[in-house]
Amino acid sequence: MTEIMIDPNVRVAGGLTFSGFEDVRGPMPVAGQRVLVREPEANLVAPGIVTSVDNEDSLIYIRVEWASLKTDVLPTPDQLLRRIGAFVQNFAPDGPTWVTSQRTDHTAASKQLQSA
């Protein structure tokens, strides 16, 4: 299911909210499609329906079921990476390993390994 990052404080007429194309995780939705909206800072999620897609301004308008907004029981991918990275760094006998809480440029890391 397509996820769209939202700010619950951003609302327009009719109780809709909107997000930019850059906030879409998964296939680009179309009008009428059910999506999952996520407020990433608090990890809140709710179902929503795309009401329209504005290709000119790169915006997606969504009708969110605001009463259903709740904390997601699963961590976000970034939260999971931070947890794994902290665990590995705290308990690895030889110190930090390749698993980190930061996003890694795998191409650069691969080139470094090949040149070593």
N, C-alpha and C. Protein backbone atom coordinates (compact mmCIF):
# COMPACT_ATOMS: atom_id res chain seq x y z
N MET A 1 0.85 -1.18 0.00
CA MET A 1 0.00 0.00 0.00
C MET A 1 0.89 1.24 0.00
N THR A 2 0.52 2.22 -0.78
CA THR A 2 1.26 3.47 -0.84
C THR A 2 1.12 4.22 0.48
N GLU A 3 2.24 4.76 0.96
CA GLU A 3 2.25 5.59 2.17
C GLU A 3 2.56 7.02 1.77
N ILE A 4 1.90 7.95 2.42
CA ILE A 4 2.15 9.37 2.16
C ILE A 4 2.43 10.04 3.50
N MET A 5 3.57 10.72 3.59
CA MET A 5 3.92 11.46 4.79
C MET A 5 3.08 12.74 4.84
N ILE A 6 2.52 13.03 6.01
CA ILE A 6 1.66 14.21 6.16
C ILE A 6 2.07 15.01 7.38
N ASP A 7 1.57 16.23 7.44
CA ASP A 7 1.61 17.06 8.63
C ASP A 7 0.16 17.26 9.04
N PRO A 8 -0.28 16.69 10.17
CA PRO A 8 -1.69 16.80 10.54
C PRO A 8 -2.16 18.22 10.79
N ASN A 9 -1.23 19.15 10.93
CA ASN A 9 -1.61 20.55 11.13
C ASN A 9 -1.93 21.27 9.83
N VAL A 10 -1.61 20.64 8.69
CA VAL A 10 -1.89 21.24 7.39
C VAL A 10 -3.23 20.72 6.89
N ARG A 11 -4.20 21.62 6.84
CA ARG A 11 -5.54 21.23 6.37
C ARG A 11 -6.05 22.30 5.42
N VAL A 12 -6.85 21.86 4.47
CA VAL A 12 -7.48 22.78 3.53
C VAL A 12 -8.99 22.57 3.60
N ALA A 13 -9.73 23.28 2.79
CA ALA A 13 -11.19 23.21 2.80
C ALA A 13 -11.69 21.77 2.74
N GLY A 14 -12.74 21.51 3.46
CA GLY A 14 -13.35 20.19 3.45
C GLY A 14 -12.63 19.16 4.31
N GLY A 15 -11.70 19.62 5.16
CA GLY A 15 -10.99 18.69 6.03
C GLY A 15 -9.91 17.89 5.34
N LEU A 16 -9.57 18.27 4.11
CA LEU A 16 -8.51 17.57 3.38
C LEU A 16 -7.15 18.05 3.86
N THR A 17 -6.13 17.26 3.57
CA THR A 17 -4.75 17.68 3.75
C THR A 17 -4.06 17.45 2.41
N PHE A 18 -2.84 17.93 2.30
CA PHE A 18 -2.10 17.70 1.07
C PHE A 18 -0.64 17.46 1.40
N SER A 19 0.03 16.77 0.49
CA SER A 19 1.46 16.50 0.60
C SER A 19 2.06 16.59 -0.78
N GLY A 20 3.37 16.82 -0.81
CA GLY A 20 4.08 16.88 -2.08
C GLY A 20 4.42 15.49 -2.59
N PHE A 21 4.70 15.41 -3.88
CA PHE A 21 5.09 14.13 -4.47
C PHE A 21 6.28 13.51 -3.75
N GLU A 22 7.17 14.34 -3.21
CA GLU A 22 8.36 13.84 -2.53
C GLU A 22 8.03 13.09 -1.24
N ASP A 23 6.79 13.24 -0.75
CA ASP A 23 6.37 12.59 0.49
C ASP A 23 5.71 11.23 0.26
N VAL A 24 5.71 10.77 -0.97
CA VAL A 24 5.07 9.49 -1.31
C VAL A 24 6.10 8.37 -1.18
N ARG A 25 5.70 7.29 -0.52
CA ARG A 25 6.52 6.08 -0.40
C ARG A 25 5.74 4.96 -1.07
N GLY A 26 6.24 4.51 -2.20
CA GLY A 26 5.53 3.48 -2.97
C GLY A 26 5.05 4.06 -4.29
N PRO A 27 4.20 3.31 -4.99
CA PRO A 27 3.70 3.78 -6.28
C PRO A 27 2.91 5.08 -6.15
N MET A 28 3.03 5.94 -7.15
CA MET A 28 2.29 7.21 -7.14
C MET A 28 0.79 6.90 -7.18
N PRO A 29 0.05 7.43 -6.20
CA PRO A 29 -1.38 7.12 -6.14
C PRO A 29 -2.19 7.92 -7.16
N VAL A 30 -3.41 7.46 -7.38
CA VAL A 30 -4.35 8.15 -8.27
C VAL A 30 -5.59 8.50 -7.46
N ALA A 31 -6.39 9.42 -7.98
CA ALA A 31 -7.62 9.82 -7.30
C ALA A 31 -8.50 8.60 -7.04
N GLY A 32 -9.02 8.52 -5.83
CA GLY A 32 -9.87 7.42 -5.42
C GLY A 32 -9.14 6.27 -4.75
N GLN A 33 -7.81 6.30 -4.78
CA GLN A 33 -7.03 5.21 -4.20
C GLN A 33 -6.93 5.34 -2.69
N ARG A 34 -7.05 4.21 -1.99
CA ARG A 34 -6.82 4.18 -0.54
C ARG A 34 -5.32 4.17 -0.29
N VAL A 35 -4.88 4.95 0.69
CA VAL A 35 -3.48 5.04 1.05
C VAL A 35 -3.36 5.01 2.57
N LEU A 36 -2.15 4.84 3.05
CA LEU A 36 -1.84 4.97 4.47
C LEU A 36 -1.10 6.29 4.63
N VAL A 37 -1.59 7.15 5.51
CA VAL A 37 -0.88 8.40 5.77
C VAL A 37 -0.08 8.22 7.05
N ARG A 38 1.08 8.87 7.09
CA ARG A 38 1.97 8.74 8.25
C ARG A 38 2.49 10.11 8.64
N GLU A 39 2.41 10.41 9.92
CA GLU A 39 3.07 11.58 10.49
C GLU A 39 4.37 11.04 11.04
N PRO A 40 5.51 11.26 10.34
CA PRO A 40 6.74 10.55 10.66
C PRO A 40 7.36 10.88 12.02
N GLU A 41 7.23 12.10 12.51
CA GLU A 41 7.88 12.45 13.77
C GLU A 41 7.30 11.69 14.95
N ALA A 42 5.98 11.55 14.99
CA ALA A 42 5.33 10.83 16.10
C ALA A 42 4.96 9.41 15.71
N ASN A 43 5.25 9.01 14.46
CA ASN A 43 4.93 7.68 13.94
C ASN A 43 3.44 7.38 14.06
N LEU A 44 2.62 8.37 13.68
CA LEU A 44 1.17 8.20 13.68
C LEU A 44 0.72 7.79 12.29
N VAL A 45 -0.25 6.90 12.21
CA VAL A 45 -0.76 6.44 10.92
C VAL A 45 -2.29 6.45 10.92
N ALA A 46 -2.85 6.56 9.72
CA ALA A 46 -4.30 6.50 9.53
C ALA A 46 -4.58 6.18 8.07
N PRO A 47 -5.74 5.62 7.79
CA PRO A 47 -6.11 5.41 6.39
C PRO A 47 -6.57 6.73 5.77
N GLY A 48 -6.43 6.80 4.47
CA GLY A 48 -6.89 7.97 3.74
C GLY A 48 -7.26 7.59 2.32
N ILE A 49 -7.91 8.51 1.64
CA ILE A 49 -8.28 8.33 0.24
C ILE A 49 -7.80 9.54 -0.53
N VAL A 50 -7.07 9.31 -1.61
CA VAL A 50 -6.61 10.39 -2.47
C VAL A 50 -7.82 10.97 -3.18
N THR A 51 -8.03 12.29 -3.02
CA THR A 51 -9.17 12.93 -3.68
C THR A 51 -8.76 13.52 -5.02
N SER A 52 -7.51 13.99 -5.12
CA SER A 52 -7.03 14.51 -6.40
C SER A 52 -5.51 14.58 -6.40
N VAL A 53 -4.96 14.58 -7.60
CA VAL A 53 -3.52 14.70 -7.80
C VAL A 53 -3.29 15.90 -8.70
N ASP A 54 -2.52 16.87 -8.20
CA ASP A 54 -2.22 18.09 -8.95
C ASP A 54 -0.82 17.95 -9.53
N ASN A 55 -0.74 17.50 -10.78
CA ASN A 55 0.56 17.28 -11.42
C ASN A 55 1.32 18.58 -11.65
N GLU A 56 0.61 19.68 -11.86
CA GLU A 56 1.27 20.96 -12.11
C GLU A 56 2.04 21.45 -10.89
N ASP A 57 1.43 21.32 -9.70
CA ASP A 57 2.08 21.77 -8.47
C ASP A 57 2.70 20.63 -7.67
N SER A 58 2.66 19.41 -8.20
CA SER A 58 3.22 18.22 -7.55
C SER A 58 2.65 18.01 -6.15
N LEU A 59 1.32 18.10 -6.05
CA LEU A 59 0.64 17.93 -4.76
C LEU A 59 -0.41 16.83 -4.85
N ILE A 60 -0.61 16.15 -3.74
CA ILE A 60 -1.63 15.12 -3.61
C ILE A 60 -2.57 15.55 -2.50
N TYR A 61 -3.87 15.60 -2.79
CA TYR A 61 -4.88 15.96 -1.79
C TYR A 61 -5.50 14.67 -1.25
N ILE A 62 -5.63 14.60 0.08
CA ILE A 62 -6.04 13.37 0.73
C ILE A 62 -7.14 13.65 1.76
N ARG A 63 -8.16 12.80 1.75
CA ARG A 63 -9.17 12.82 2.81
C ARG A 63 -8.72 11.78 3.83
N VAL A 64 -8.33 12.26 5.00
CA VAL A 64 -7.80 11.39 6.06
C VAL A 64 -8.90 11.07 7.06
N GLU A 65 -8.94 9.85 7.52
CA GLU A 65 -9.84 9.46 8.60
C GLU A 65 -9.17 9.88 9.92
N TRP A 66 -9.31 11.18 10.25
CA TRP A 66 -8.59 11.77 11.37
C TRP A 66 -8.85 11.04 12.69
N ALA A 67 -10.06 10.56 12.89
CA ALA A 67 -10.38 9.86 14.15
C ALA A 67 -9.60 8.56 14.29
N SER A 68 -9.08 8.04 13.18
CA SER A 68 -8.33 6.78 13.20
C SER A 68 -6.83 7.00 13.38
N LEU A 69 -6.38 8.24 13.43
CA LEU A 69 -4.95 8.53 13.57
C LEU A 69 -4.44 7.97 14.89
N LYS A 70 -3.47 7.05 14.82
CA LYS A 70 -2.94 6.42 16.03
C LYS A 70 -1.48 6.06 15.83
N THR A 71 -0.81 5.74 16.92
CA THR A 71 0.59 5.34 16.86
C THR A 71 0.70 4.00 16.15
N ASP A 72 1.63 3.92 15.21
CA ASP A 72 1.86 2.67 14.50
C ASP A 72 2.55 1.69 15.44
N VAL A 73 2.14 0.43 15.40
CA VAL A 73 2.74 -0.57 16.27
C VAL A 73 4.11 -1.02 15.76
N LEU A 74 4.38 -0.80 14.49
CA LEU A 74 5.67 -1.16 13.92
C LEU A 74 6.53 0.08 13.78
N PRO A 75 7.83 -0.02 14.05
CA PRO A 75 8.70 1.14 13.87
C PRO A 75 8.86 1.46 12.39
N THR A 76 9.15 2.73 12.11
CA THR A 76 9.45 3.12 10.74
C THR A 76 10.80 2.51 10.36
N PRO A 77 11.12 2.41 9.07
CA PRO A 77 12.43 1.88 8.68
C PRO A 77 13.59 2.64 9.32
N ASP A 78 13.51 3.97 9.39
CA ASP A 78 14.59 4.75 10.01
C ASP A 78 14.70 4.45 11.50
N GLN A 79 13.57 4.31 12.20
CA GLN A 79 13.61 3.98 13.62
C GLN A 79 14.22 2.60 13.83
N LEU A 80 13.87 1.65 12.98
CA LEU A 80 14.40 0.30 13.09
C LEU A 80 15.91 0.30 12.87
N LEU A 81 16.40 1.03 11.88
CA LEU A 81 17.84 1.11 11.65
C LEU A 81 18.57 1.73 12.83
N ARG A 82 17.98 2.78 13.43
CA ARG A 82 18.62 3.39 14.61
C ARG A 82 18.70 2.38 15.76
N ARG A 83 17.63 1.61 15.97
CA ARG A 83 17.64 0.61 17.04
C ARG A 83 18.68 -0.47 16.78
N ILE A 84 18.72 -0.99 15.57
CA ILE A 84 19.69 -2.03 15.22
C ILE A 84 21.10 -1.49 15.36
N GLY A 85 21.34 -0.29 14.84
CA GLY A 85 22.67 0.31 14.93
C GLY A 85 23.12 0.50 16.36
N ALA A 86 22.24 0.98 17.22
CA ALA A 86 22.58 1.18 18.63
C ALA A 86 22.88 -0.15 19.29
N PHE A 87 22.09 -1.17 18.99
CA PHE A 87 22.30 -2.49 19.58
C PHE A 87 23.65 -3.06 19.16
N VAL A 88 23.95 -3.02 17.87
CA VAL A 88 25.19 -3.60 17.37
C VAL A 88 26.39 -2.84 17.92
N GLN A 89 26.32 -1.52 17.96
CA GLN A 89 27.46 -0.75 18.46
C GLN A 89 27.68 -0.97 19.95
N ASN A 90 26.62 -1.20 20.70
CA ASN A 90 26.76 -1.41 22.13
C ASN A 90 27.22 -2.82 22.49
N PHE A 91 26.95 -3.81 21.65
CA PHE A 91 27.22 -5.19 22.03
C PHE A 91 28.20 -5.93 21.12
N ALA A 92 28.68 -5.32 20.06
CA ALA A 92 29.64 -5.99 19.19
C ALA A 92 30.99 -6.07 19.91
N PRO A 93 31.61 -7.26 20.00
CA PRO A 93 32.87 -7.40 20.74
C PRO A 93 34.01 -6.60 20.14
N ASP A 94 33.99 -6.37 18.84
CA ASP A 94 35.08 -5.65 18.19
C ASP A 94 34.72 -4.21 17.88
N GLY A 95 33.73 -3.66 18.53
CA GLY A 95 33.34 -2.27 18.28
C GLY A 95 32.29 -2.19 17.19
N PRO A 96 32.08 -0.99 16.67
CA PRO A 96 31.03 -0.78 15.66
C PRO A 96 31.27 -1.64 14.43
N THR A 97 30.18 -2.06 13.82
CA THR A 97 30.27 -2.84 12.59
C THR A 97 29.69 -2.04 11.45
N TRP A 98 29.45 -2.71 10.34
CA TRP A 98 28.90 -2.03 9.16
C TRP A 98 27.49 -1.54 9.37
N VAL A 99 26.78 -2.03 10.36
CA VAL A 99 25.41 -1.57 10.63
C VAL A 99 25.49 -0.29 11.43
N THR A 100 24.94 0.78 10.90
CA THR A 100 24.95 2.06 11.60
C THR A 100 23.56 2.66 11.60
N SER A 101 23.40 3.69 12.38
CA SER A 101 22.12 4.38 12.40
C SER A 101 22.05 5.45 11.33
N GLN A 102 23.14 5.67 10.62
CA GLN A 102 23.17 6.67 9.56
C GLN A 102 22.97 5.98 8.22
N ARG A 103 22.39 6.72 7.28
CA ARG A 103 22.26 6.17 5.93
C ARG A 103 23.66 6.07 5.33
N THR A 104 23.91 5.01 4.59
CA THR A 104 25.24 4.74 4.08
C THR A 104 25.23 4.82 2.56
N ASP A 105 26.30 5.40 2.02
CA ASP A 105 26.50 5.39 0.57
C ASP A 105 27.15 4.06 0.24
N HIS A 106 26.34 3.07 -0.16
CA HIS A 106 26.84 1.72 -0.38
C HIS A 106 27.80 1.65 -1.55
N THR A 107 27.65 2.52 -2.53
CA THR A 107 28.56 2.54 -3.67
C THR A 107 29.96 2.92 -3.21
N ALA A 108 30.06 3.98 -2.41
CA ALA A 108 31.36 4.42 -1.90
C ALA A 108 31.96 3.36 -0.99
N ALA A 109 31.14 2.75 -0.14
CA ALA A 109 31.63 1.71 0.77
C ALA A 109 32.16 0.52 -0.02
N SER A 110 31.46 0.14 -1.08
CA SER A 110 31.89 -0.97 -1.91
C SER A 110 33.23 -0.67 -2.58
N LYS A 111 33.39 0.56 -3.07
CA LYS A 111 34.65 0.95 -3.71
C LYS A 111 35.80 0.92 -2.70
N GLN A 112 35.54 1.34 -1.46
CA GLN A 112 36.57 1.31 -0.43
C GLN A 112 36.99 -0.13 -0.14
N LEU A 113 36.05 -1.05 -0.08
CA LEU A 113 36.37 -2.45 0.17
C LEU A 113 37.17 -3.04 -0.98
N GLN A 114 36.83 -2.67 -2.21
CA GLN A 114 37.53 -3.21 -3.37
C GLN A 114 38.96 -2.70 -3.44
N SER A 115 39.19 -1.46 -2.98
CA SER A 115 40.54 -0.90 -3.06
C SER A 115 41.41 -1.33 -1.89
N ALA A 116 40.82 -1.93 -0.88
CA ALA A 116 41.58 -2.35 0.31
C ALA A 116 42.34 -3.63 0.07
